[in-house]
Amino acid sequence: MHGCLNELKLLRKKIGVTKEDIEVSVGDFIGKGQYSKETLCYLQEHSIKAIRGNHEDKFLRYYYHEQRFLTQGIANPMQLSAKEQEIYKSLDKEDFVFLQSLPLFLQFNALTVIHGGILPSTNLAKLDKKSAAQVMRVRYLDVHGRFVALDDADPHIHFWWSELYDGRYGYVVYGHQPFLYPRVDRWSFGIDTGAVYGNRLTAIVFADAKTPFCYELFDVPSQTYAKKSKPWIVSDL
C-alpha cells in the first residue's frame, strides 16, 4: 500500500466493504508513498487490521535507536532516506505504539496472512528475532530451503519461497514483493502489485476463511509515487 491512500479508498468502494467484513493489510502500508501518516490513521479509524511489514519494522527500529540515543547517548546506526525522514518526523509516539502492536501474522481458519512468507524452518508459534525478520523479508530460498538475501538471489538457481511451501499453515496471503500481476501458487496468493510504482492496488476477497480456495481479486489503477529500482517479477514464472 505504501501510503497510497486515495487508491485504498477507491478499492474499498469498488469492493463494497461493509462493517461485517474483516479487512487486513498485508503490511508496508507506510513508506515511499505520499500519505503514509494519513494511511496509518485511516486504518485505525476504519478498524482495518494490519500485519507488520519490513517498512513498519524499519521505522520502529529507527525510533528505538533514537530513543536509546536520547537516554543513553548511543549513536543511531541506521540511516533513513530523505523521504523516510519526512515520514518519520510525521509520526508521533502514539503511532509508534500502534506500529509496535502489529502482529507478524494473523490466522483465520485455513487462512494465514503474513507480510513476506514462510520458510521450511518457520515455526509461527516460536518466532525469534531472526525468524521474525525472515518472515517479513523472505523472497527466495536456496536448494536447502534457507533464506537468500535479495541482493544474492538468482531466480535461475533459487526458489521462490511459495514453491517450497507445504501448506502446513493453510493458504497464505502475502505482500512484500511487487508483482506485475497477483501471483497465485498452490498454497499462496501474492497480492502486492506495486501500487506505489504506478501499477495497481490489489485486494483478495474470501467469502469464507474456511474455504480460501474460493476467492475474488479486485484492483484499481494507481498513480506513480516512487521509482522502481528493479525489474517487475511476472507472477506466472
Protein backbone atom coordinates (compact mmCIF):
# COMPACT_ATOMS: atom_id res chain seq x y z
CA MET A 1 0.00 0.00 0.00
CA HIS A 2 2.91 2.32 0.87
CA GLY A 3 0.78 5.38 1.61
CA CYS A 4 -1.46 5.05 -1.46
CA LEU A 5 -4.46 6.29 0.47
CA ASN A 6 -6.58 7.53 -2.43
CA GLU A 7 -6.23 4.17 -4.14
CA LEU A 8 -7.16 2.38 -0.92
CA LYS A 9 -10.36 4.39 -0.64
CA LEU A 10 -11.26 3.64 -4.27
CA LEU A 11 -10.51 -0.05 -3.82
CA ARG A 12 -12.69 -0.36 -0.71
CA LYS A 13 -15.51 1.40 -2.56
CA LYS A 14 -15.13 -0.95 -5.54
CA ILE A 15 -15.29 -3.99 -3.26
CA GLY A 16 -18.25 -2.61 -1.36
CA VAL A 17 -16.82 -3.17 2.11
CA THR A 18 -19.35 -3.49 4.94
CA LYS A 19 -19.00 -3.24 8.70
CA GLU A 20 -19.34 -7.03 8.93
CA ASP A 21 -16.24 -7.61 6.80
CA ILE A 22 -12.80 -8.33 8.24
CA GLU A 23 -10.17 -6.27 6.45
CA VAL A 24 -6.45 -6.98 6.72
CA SER A 25 -3.48 -5.12 5.30
CA VAL A 26 -0.52 -7.37 4.47
CA GLY A 27 1.85 -4.69 5.77
CA ASP A 28 4.10 -1.98 4.32
CA PHE A 29 1.24 0.48 4.44
CA ILE A 30 3.73 3.27 5.19
CA GLY A 31 6.86 4.35 3.34
CA LYS A 32 7.53 5.58 -0.21
CA GLY A 33 4.06 6.93 -0.99
CA GLN A 34 2.52 10.32 -0.44
CA TYR A 35 0.18 9.67 2.50
CA SER A 36 1.92 7.36 4.98
CA LYS A 37 0.76 9.07 8.17
CA GLU A 38 -2.73 9.52 6.77
CA THR A 39 -2.92 5.86 5.73
CA LEU A 40 -1.88 4.75 9.21
CA CYS A 41 -4.64 6.88 10.73
CA TYR A 42 -7.16 5.65 8.15
CA LEU A 43 -6.51 2.01 9.06
CA GLN A 44 -7.13 2.78 12.71
CA GLU A 45 -10.24 4.86 12.04
CA HIS A 46 -11.80 2.08 9.96
CA SER A 47 -10.70 -0.81 12.21
CA ILE A 48 -8.61 -2.35 9.44
CA LYS A 49 -6.26 -4.96 10.83
CA ALA A 50 -2.66 -4.89 9.67
CA ILE A 51 0.43 -7.06 9.63
CA ARG A 52 3.84 -5.60 10.44
CA GLY A 53 5.85 -5.31 7.24
CA ASN A 54 9.55 -4.68 6.91
CA HIS A 55 8.93 -0.94 6.38
CA GLU A 56 6.91 -0.59 9.59
CA ASP A 57 9.65 -2.60 11.27
CA LYS A 58 12.33 -0.28 9.89
CA PHE A 59 10.65 2.82 11.29
CA LEU A 60 10.21 1.08 14.64
CA ARG A 61 13.88 0.09 14.82
CA TYR A 62 14.92 3.62 13.91
CA TYR A 63 12.64 5.00 16.61
CA TYR A 64 14.12 2.69 19.25
CA HIS A 65 17.66 3.71 18.27
CA GLU A 66 16.67 7.37 18.51
CA GLN A 67 15.21 6.82 21.97
CA ARG A 68 18.37 4.99 23.04
CA PHE A 69 20.45 7.92 21.82
CA LEU A 70 18.34 10.34 23.86
CA THR A 71 18.50 8.25 27.02
CA GLN A 72 21.95 6.64 26.77
CA GLY A 73 23.86 8.69 24.22
CA ILE A 74 24.41 5.71 21.94
CA ALA A 75 24.52 6.81 18.30
CA ASN A 76 21.81 5.60 15.94
CA PRO A 77 23.48 3.20 13.44
CA MET A 78 20.57 3.40 10.99
CA GLN A 79 20.10 5.89 8.18
CA LEU A 80 16.86 6.93 6.50
CA SER A 81 16.38 8.44 3.07
CA ALA A 82 15.08 11.99 2.79
CA LYS A 83 11.59 10.62 2.09
CA GLU A 84 11.80 8.27 5.05
CA GLN A 85 12.95 11.11 7.29
CA GLU A 86 9.92 13.11 6.21
CA ILE A 87 7.63 10.21 7.09
CA TYR A 88 9.41 9.54 10.37
CA LYS A 89 9.02 13.13 11.51
CA SER A 90 5.28 12.98 10.76
CA LEU A 91 4.78 10.11 13.23
CA ASP A 92 4.19 10.65 16.94
CA LYS A 93 4.59 8.42 19.98
CA GLU A 94 1.06 7.00 19.65
CA ASP A 95 1.83 6.00 16.05
CA PHE A 96 4.85 4.02 17.18
CA VAL A 97 2.79 2.36 19.90
CA PHE A 98 0.38 1.30 17.17
CA LEU A 99 3.19 0.01 14.95
CA GLN A 100 4.62 -1.95 17.85
CA SER A 101 1.23 -3.60 18.41
CA LEU A 102 1.09 -5.02 14.89
CA PRO A 103 1.36 -8.82 14.70
CA LEU A 104 3.74 -10.61 12.35
CA PHE A 105 0.87 -12.76 11.07
CA LEU A 106 -2.84 -13.37 11.51
CA GLN A 107 -4.70 -16.63 11.08
CA PHE A 108 -8.35 -17.13 10.16
CA ASN A 109 -9.28 -20.82 10.00
CA ALA A 110 -7.49 -22.16 6.89
CA LEU A 111 -6.01 -18.78 6.00
CA THR A 112 -2.77 -17.12 7.16
CA VAL A 113 -1.88 -13.51 6.37
CA ILE A 114 1.80 -12.58 6.59
CA HIS A 115 3.99 -9.91 5.05
CA GLY A 116 6.82 -11.81 3.39
CA GLY A 117 6.33 -15.56 3.51
CA ILE A 118 7.07 -18.86 5.25
CA LEU A 119 10.29 -20.83 5.15
CA PRO A 120 10.53 -24.63 5.60
CA SER A 121 12.10 -23.92 9.02
CA THR A 122 9.45 -21.40 10.11
CA ASN A 123 7.51 -22.13 13.29
CA LEU A 124 4.93 -19.37 13.63
CA ALA A 125 4.34 -20.31 17.27
CA LYS A 126 8.00 -19.66 18.12
CA LEU A 127 9.37 -16.73 16.14
CA ASP A 128 12.69 -15.48 17.49
CA LYS A 129 14.32 -12.25 16.28
CA LYS A 130 15.98 -13.92 13.28
CA SER A 131 12.96 -15.90 12.10
CA ALA A 132 10.69 -12.87 12.61
CA ALA A 133 12.95 -10.84 10.33
CA GLN A 134 12.85 -13.63 7.75
CA VAL A 135 9.06 -13.95 7.56
CA MET A 136 8.89 -10.20 6.96
CA ARG A 137 11.54 -10.24 4.24
CA VAL A 138 11.75 -13.64 2.55
CA ARG A 139 11.54 -13.89 -1.21
CA TYR A 140 13.96 -16.57 -2.39
CA LEU A 141 15.26 -19.79 -0.82
CA ASP A 142 18.23 -21.96 -1.74
CA VAL A 143 18.05 -25.68 -2.54
CA HIS A 144 18.16 -26.42 1.19
CA GLY A 145 15.22 -24.13 1.90
CA ARG A 146 17.36 -21.46 3.54
CA PHE A 147 16.79 -17.71 3.34
CA VAL A 148 18.56 -15.92 0.49
CA ALA A 149 19.14 -12.16 0.75
CA LEU A 150 17.64 -10.21 -2.14
CA ASP A 151 20.99 -8.94 -3.40
CA ASP A 152 22.28 -12.54 -3.52
CA ALA A 153 19.19 -14.04 -5.15
CA ASP A 154 19.33 -15.60 -8.60
CA PRO A 155 15.97 -16.82 -9.98
CA HIS A 156 17.84 -19.38 -12.10
CA ILE A 157 19.18 -21.28 -9.09
CA HIS A 158 16.96 -20.17 -6.20
CA PHE A 159 13.32 -20.93 -5.45
CA TRP A 160 10.51 -18.50 -4.76
CA TRP A 161 9.52 -19.30 -1.17
CA SER A 162 5.98 -20.38 -2.06
CA GLU A 163 7.32 -23.07 -4.41
CA LEU A 164 8.66 -24.90 -1.35
CA TYR A 165 5.77 -24.11 0.99
CA ASP A 166 3.89 -27.27 2.01
CA GLY A 167 0.59 -25.77 3.13
CA ARG A 168 1.06 -26.55 6.82
CA TYR A 169 -0.37 -23.14 7.79
CA GLY A 170 -3.15 -23.32 5.24
CA TYR A 171 -3.43 -20.84 2.40
CA VAL A 172 -1.15 -17.82 2.75
CA VAL A 173 -1.82 -14.26 1.60
CA TYR A 174 1.30 -12.11 1.46
CA GLY A 175 2.73 -8.86 0.12
CA HIS A 176 6.34 -7.59 0.24
CA GLN A 177 7.32 -8.35 -3.37
CA PRO A 178 5.60 -6.24 -6.04
CA PHE A 179 4.41 -8.38 -8.93
CA LEU A 180 3.10 -7.07 -12.22
CA TYR A 181 0.04 -9.27 -11.63
CA PRO A 182 -1.03 -11.19 -8.49
CA ARG A 183 0.92 -14.40 -8.04
CA VAL A 184 -1.21 -17.47 -7.32
CA ASP A 185 0.50 -20.70 -6.28
CA ARG A 186 -0.82 -23.97 -4.85
CA TRP A 187 -0.98 -22.66 -1.29
CA SER A 188 -0.44 -18.92 -1.56
CA PHE A 189 -1.52 -15.59 -3.02
CA GLY A 190 0.95 -12.74 -3.57
CA ILE A 191 -1.15 -9.59 -3.90
CA ASP A 192 1.41 -6.75 -3.91
CA THR A 193 1.05 -5.34 -7.41
CA GLY A 194 3.21 -2.27 -6.95
CA ALA A 195 0.63 0.47 -6.46
CA VAL A 196 3.29 2.91 -5.29
CA TYR A 197 5.16 2.33 -8.57
CA GLY A 198 2.16 3.26 -10.69
CA ASN A 199 0.74 -0.20 -11.36
CA ARG A 200 -2.33 -1.28 -9.36
CA LEU A 201 -3.54 -1.73 -5.77
CA THR A 202 -4.95 -5.23 -5.34
CA ALA A 203 -7.15 -6.94 -2.76
CA ILE A 204 -8.20 -10.57 -2.47
CA VAL A 205 -11.65 -11.26 -1.05
CA PHE A 206 -12.78 -14.50 0.56
CA ALA A 207 -16.41 -15.22 1.32
CA ASP A 208 -15.34 -17.71 4.00
CA ALA A 209 -11.88 -18.23 5.52
CA LYS A 210 -12.70 -21.93 5.87
CA THR A 211 -12.68 -22.25 2.08
CA PRO A 212 -9.95 -19.81 0.92
CA PHE A 213 -9.65 -21.55 -2.44
CA CYS A 214 -12.84 -19.66 -3.31
CA TYR A 215 -11.79 -16.06 -3.81
CA GLU A 216 -12.12 -12.96 -5.95
CA LEU A 217 -9.47 -10.40 -6.85
CA PHE A 218 -10.18 -6.67 -7.06
CA ASP A 219 -7.85 -3.90 -8.14
CA VAL A 220 -7.70 -0.22 -9.04
CA PRO A 221 -5.07 1.67 -11.06
CA SER A 222 -2.68 3.88 -9.17
CA GLN A 223 -0.56 6.95 -9.67
CA THR A 224 3.24 6.73 -9.64
CA TYR A 225 4.68 7.86 -6.31
CA ALA A 226 8.10 6.17 -6.40
CA LYS A 227 10.58 4.91 -8.98
CA LYS A 228 11.02 1.14 -9.21
CA SER A 229 14.69 0.15 -9.00
CA LYS A 230 14.35 -3.50 -10.07
CA PRO A 231 12.50 -5.18 -12.97
CA TRP A 232 8.98 -6.49 -12.47
CA ILE A 233 8.65 -10.12 -11.42
CA VAL A 234 5.95 -11.66 -13.60
CA SER A 235 3.69 -13.77 -11.42
CA ASP A 236 3.46 -16.86 -13.62
CA LEU A 237 7.18 -17.61 -13.95
